[in-house]
Structures are given as structure tokens and as C-alpha cells.
C-alpha atoms as a PDB file:
ATOM      1  CA  UNK A   1     -12.186  15.006  22.697  1.00  0.00           C
ATOM      2  CA  UNK A   2     -10.274  18.258  22.531  1.00  0.00           C
ATOM      3  CA  UNK A   3      -9.078  19.833  19.285  1.00  0.00           C
ATOM      4  CA  UNK A   4      -5.554  19.997  20.716  1.00  0.00           C
ATOM      5  CA  UNK A   5      -5.404  16.227  21.186  1.00  0.00           C
ATOM      6  CA  UNK A   6      -6.646  15.749  17.609  1.00  0.00           C
ATOM      7  CA  UNK A   7      -3.867  17.947  16.259  1.00  0.00           C
ATOM      8  CA  UNK A   8      -1.409  15.911  18.351  1.00  0.00           C
ATOM      9  CA  UNK A   9      -2.785  12.759  16.710  1.00  0.00           C
ATOM     10  CA  UNK A  10      -2.286  14.341  13.283  1.00  0.00           C
ATOM     11  CA  UNK A  11       1.268  15.375  14.206  1.00  0.00           C
ATOM     12  CA  UNK A  12       2.060  11.850  15.418  1.00  0.00           C
ATOM     13  CA  UNK A  13       0.656  10.290  12.242  1.00  0.00           C
ATOM     14  CA  UNK A  14       2.685  12.748  10.156  1.00  0.00           C
ATOM     15  CA  UNK A  15       5.889  11.759  11.948  1.00  0.00           C
ATOM     16  CA  UNK A  16       5.049   8.130  11.181  1.00  0.00           C
ATOM     17  CA  UNK A  17       4.545   8.986   7.513  1.00  0.00           C
ATOM     18  CA  UNK A  18       7.932  10.696   7.349  1.00  0.00           C
ATOM     19  CA  UNK A  19       9.664   7.793   9.116  1.00  0.00           C
ATOM     20  CA  UNK A  20       8.107   5.101   6.917  1.00  0.00           C
ATOM     21  CA  UNK A  21       8.856   7.051   3.751  1.00  0.00           C
ATOM     22  CA  UNK A  22      12.497   7.325   4.830  1.00  0.00           C
ATOM     23  CA  UNK A  23      12.517   3.602   5.598  1.00  0.00           C
ATOM     24  CA  UNK A  24      11.178   2.862   2.094  1.00  0.00           C
ATOM     25  CA  UNK A  25      13.927   5.034   0.579  1.00  0.00           C
ATOM     26  CA  UNK A  26      16.626   3.081   2.437  1.00  0.00           C
ATOM     27  CA  UNK A  27      15.061  -0.242   1.445  1.00  0.00           C
ATOM     28  CA  UNK A  28      14.998   0.939  -2.195  1.00  0.00           C
ATOM     29  CA  UNK A  29      18.718   1.692  -1.956  1.00  0.00           C
ATOM     30  CA  UNK A  30      19.341  -1.783  -0.599  1.00  0.00           C
ATOM     31  CA  UNK A  31      17.417  -3.392  -3.460  1.00  0.00           C
ATOM     32  CA  UNK A  32      19.291  -1.251  -5.983  1.00  0.00           C
ATOM     33  CA  UNK A  33      22.620  -2.497  -4.641  1.00  0.00           C
ATOM     34  CA  UNK A  34      21.645  -6.146  -4.129  1.00  0.00           C
ATOM     35  CA  UNK A  35      23.847  -7.442  -6.948  1.00  0.00           C
ATOM     36  CA  UNK A  36      26.814  -5.111  -6.612  1.00  0.00           C
ATOM     37  CA  UNK A  37      30.284  -6.588  -6.298  1.00  0.00           C
ATOM     38  CA  UNK A  38      33.282  -5.402  -4.344  1.00  0.00           C
ATOM     39  CA  UNK A  39      36.125  -3.646  -6.041  1.00  0.00           C
ATOM     40  CA  UNK A  40      39.456  -5.333  -5.477  1.00  0.00           C
ATOM     41  CA  UNK A  41      40.634  -4.609  -1.938  1.00  0.00           C
ATOM     42  CA  UNK A  42      37.330  -3.055  -0.820  1.00  0.00           C
ATOM     43  CA  UNK A  43      34.156  -4.288   0.838  1.00  0.00           C
ATOM     44  CA  UNK A  44      30.977  -4.576  -1.222  1.00  0.00           C
ATOM     45  CA  UNK A  45      27.807  -2.651  -0.398  1.00  0.00           C
ATOM     46  CA  UNK A  46      26.463  -3.430   3.061  1.00  0.00           C
ATOM     47  CA  UNK A  47      22.751  -3.654   3.697  1.00  0.00           C
ATOM     48  CA  UNK A  48      21.433  -0.649   5.611  1.00  0.00           C
ATOM     49  CA  UNK A  49      18.602  -0.491   8.119  1.00  0.00           C
ATOM     50  CA  UNK A  50      16.758   2.416   9.700  1.00  0.00           C
ATOM     51  CA  UNK A  51      16.608   2.873  13.470  1.00  0.00           C
ATOM     52  CA  UNK A  52      13.340   4.451  14.628  1.00  0.00           C
ATOM     53  CA  UNK A  53      12.580   5.694  18.148  1.00  0.00           C
ATOM     54  CA  UNK A  54       9.162   6.309  19.666  1.00  0.00           C
ATOM     55  CA  UNK A  55       8.867   9.644  21.469  1.00  0.00           C
ATOM     56  CA  UNK A  56       6.012  11.638  22.958  1.00  0.00           C
ATOM     57  CA  UNK A  57       5.835  13.676  19.755  1.00  0.00           C
ATOM     58  CA  UNK A  58       5.731  10.645  17.484  1.00  0.00           C
ATOM     59  CA  UNK A  59       8.365   8.660  15.635  1.00  0.00           C
ATOM     60  CA  UNK A  60      11.911   9.971  15.271  1.00  0.00           C
ATOM     61  CA  UNK A  61      14.540   8.694  12.868  1.00  0.00           C
ATOM     62  CA  UNK A  62      17.520   7.820  15.065  1.00  0.00           C
ATOM     63  CA  UNK A  63      19.844   6.874  12.226  1.00  0.00           C
ATOM     64  CA  UNK A  64      20.951   4.326   9.659  1.00  0.00           C
ATOM     65  CA  UNK A  65      22.959   1.260  10.596  1.00  0.00           C
ATOM     66  CA  UNK A  66      24.955  -1.005   8.307  1.00  0.00           C
ATOM     67  CA  UNK A  67      24.248  -4.726   8.673  1.00  0.00           C
ATOM     68  CA  UNK A  68      27.526  -6.190   9.911  1.00  0.00           C
ATOM     69  CA  UNK A  69      26.022  -9.515  11.038  1.00  0.00           C
ATOM     70  CA  UNK A  70      25.023 -10.910   7.679  1.00  0.00           C
ATOM     71  CA  UNK A  71      28.016 -12.179   5.707  1.00  0.00           C
ATOM     72  CA  UNK A  72      28.829 -11.078   2.184  1.00  0.00           C
ATOM     73  CA  UNK A  73      27.961 -13.535  -0.561  1.00  0.00           C
ATOM     74  CA  UNK A  74      31.012 -15.076  -2.199  1.00  0.00           C
ATOM     75  CA  UNK A  75      31.596 -16.964  -5.397  1.00  0.00           C
ATOM     76  CA  UNK A  76      34.739 -18.217  -7.109  1.00  0.00           C
ATOM     77  CA  UNK A  77      34.857 -16.763 -10.620  1.00  0.00           C
ATOM     78  CA  UNK A  78      38.289 -16.368 -12.182  1.00  0.00           C
ATOM     79  CA  UNK A  79      36.776 -14.649 -15.234  1.00  0.00           C
ATOM     80  CA  UNK A  80      35.140 -11.821 -13.263  1.00  0.00           C
ATOM     81  CA  UNK A  81      37.112  -8.554 -13.487  1.00  0.00           C
ATOM     82  CA  UNK A  82      36.823  -7.967  -9.708  1.00  0.00           C
ATOM     83  CA  UNK A  83      37.986 -11.400  -8.545  1.00  0.00           C
ATOM     84  CA  UNK A  84      40.631 -11.692  -5.849  1.00  0.00           C
ATOM     85  CA  UNK A  85      43.870 -12.425  -7.737  1.00  0.00           C
ATOM     86  CA  UNK A  86      44.979 -15.036  -5.182  1.00  0.00           C
ATOM     87  CA  UNK A  87      41.733 -16.937  -4.432  1.00  0.00           C
ATOM     88  CA  UNK A  88      39.510 -16.056  -7.416  1.00  0.00           C
ATOM     89  CA  UNK A  89      36.715 -15.099  -5.026  1.00  0.00           C
ATOM     90  CA  UNK A  90      34.228 -12.376  -5.976  1.00  0.00           C
ATOM     91  CA  UNK A  91      32.371 -10.813  -3.047  1.00  0.00           C
ATOM     92  CA  UNK A  92      28.800  -9.579  -3.442  1.00  0.00           C
ATOM     93  CA  UNK A  93      26.645  -7.404  -1.169  1.00  0.00           C
ATOM     94  CA  UNK A  94      24.887  -8.919   1.835  1.00  0.00           C
ATOM     95  CA  UNK A  95      21.446  -7.781   0.636  1.00  0.00           C
ATOM     96  CA  UNK A  96      18.716 -10.417   0.315  1.00  0.00           C
ATOM     97  CA  UNK A  97      16.202  -8.960  -2.178  1.00  0.00           C
ATOM     98  CA  UNK A  98      13.363 -11.171  -0.898  1.00  0.00           C
ATOM     99  CA  UNK A  99      13.788  -9.943   2.679  1.00  0.00           C
ATOM    100  CA  UNK A 100      13.981  -6.367   1.403  1.00  0.00           C
ATOM    101  CA  UNK A 101      10.666  -6.803  -0.402  1.00  0.00           C
ATOM    102  CA  UNK A 102       9.108  -8.162   2.797  1.00  0.00           C
ATOM    103  CA  UNK A 103      10.426  -5.093   4.650  1.00  0.00           C
ATOM    104  CA  UNK A 104       9.083  -2.849   1.880  1.00  0.00           C
ATOM    105  CA  UNK A 105       5.608  -4.380   2.213  1.00  0.00           C
ATOM    106  CA  UNK A 106       5.725  -3.801   5.979  1.00  0.00           C
ATOM    107  CA  UNK A 107       6.817  -0.193   5.529  1.00  0.00           C
ATOM    108  CA  UNK A 108       4.086   0.353   2.945  1.00  0.00           C
ATOM    109  CA  UNK A 109       1.438  -1.030   5.281  1.00  0.00           C
ATOM    110  CA  UNK A 110       2.684   1.129   8.146  1.00  0.00           C
ATOM    111  CA  UNK A 111       2.568   4.141   5.822  1.00  0.00           C
ATOM    112  CA  UNK A 112      -1.040   3.338   4.894  1.00  0.00           C
ATOM    113  CA  UNK A 113      -1.960   2.943   8.576  1.00  0.00           C
ATOM    114  CA  UNK A 114      -0.535   6.386   9.329  1.00  0.00           C
ATOM    115  CA  UNK A 115      -2.535   7.879   6.447  1.00  0.00           C
ATOM    116  CA  UNK A 116      -5.709   6.301   7.851  1.00  0.00           C
ATOM    117  CA  UNK A 117      -4.945   7.635  11.348  1.00  0.00           C
ATOM    118  CA  UNK A 118      -4.282  11.120   9.981  1.00  0.00           C
ATOM    119  CA  UNK A 119      -7.501  11.133   7.934  1.00  0.00           C
ATOM    120  CA  UNK A 120      -9.534   9.906  10.910  1.00  0.00           C
ATOM    121  CA  UNK A 121      -8.181  12.678  13.137  1.00  0.00           C
ATOM    122  CA  UNK A 122      -8.822  15.222  10.380  1.00  0.00           C
ATOM    123  CA  UNK A 123     -12.422  14.021   9.988  1.00  0.00           C
ATOM    124  CA  UNK A 124     -12.972  14.164  13.751  1.00  0.00           C
ATOM    125  CA  UNK A 125     -11.578  17.685  13.849  1.00  0.00           C
ATOM    126  CA  UNK A 126     -13.954  18.790  11.079  1.00  0.00           C
ATOM    127  CA  UNK A 127     -16.876  17.223  12.924  1.00  0.00           C
ATOM    128  CA  UNK A 128     -15.912  18.943  16.170  1.00  0.00           C
ATOM    129  CA  UNK A 129     -15.735  22.323  14.419  1.00  0.00           C
ATOM    130  CA  UNK A 130     -19.143  21.773  12.767  1.00  0.00           C
ATOM    131  CA  UNK A 131     -20.900  21.045  16.088  1.00  0.00           C
ATOM    132  CA  UNK A 132     -21.215  24.753  16.886  1.00  0.00           C
ATOM    133  CA  UNK A 133     -22.627  25.682  13.477  1.00  0.00           C
ATOM    134  CA  UNK A 134     -26.318  25.958  12.797  1.00  0.00           C
END
């Protein structure tokens, strides 16, 4: 195996680490806003997801998308300060904390896999450099 291909493996693993770390940051933001309510006349916090693309150089962050498919949670509560004055409805974010934790576990495992791949390539590179030594 050539040293160049090992450094490519390390570069690819690094891009995966960056992408998964970013994904964990977005998931953390979703969890933080899971119980937020809408101000009167505005939408509540929308769940966000990360779009990742595979390229020859590794993983690229394509962007962040708001989840417009999942409906906001609603509850009638006339005593809540942010209730709709006509219907009494209070609208909450569309974040499901349990699903976010499942996503966080997946991102954490992917992060760990990228660390293992990086360390393996690093070890192989060290071994290849030590072959010529006496």
C-alpha cells in the first residue's frame, strides 16, 4: 500500500469526523429546543437535519434542512401566555427528543468508526515508514 493512499484514508476519515461532529451539534440544538413554544403569530422551532454528501475526498456537509413534514405539536391551554387568543391552542416544536437521541447515538458511533479508521491508517503509515529502518 502506498503512503499517498494512506494519507487519503486519513483525510477521508477526518472529513467524516468533521461531518459527524457537525451533525451532533445540530442534534444538540434540536434537543435544546424540543419544548419551545411559538410566540403568538409565529411558528415554533422546527427540527433541523444535516445533509451530507459523499465525494471522492470524503464527506461534505451540503447544508441544514428544516423538517417541514413533521407537524408541530399542539395543545389547548387557555392559561399559557402564548396561546392563540381565538382557539386557545399553544404550538410546540416538532422535535421528538427520543428520535433525536437515537440520531445522536448513530452520529456518535459513526464518529467512533472514523476515529478507528484514522488510527488504523496512521498505524499503517508508521509501519510502512519503519520498514526501511534497521
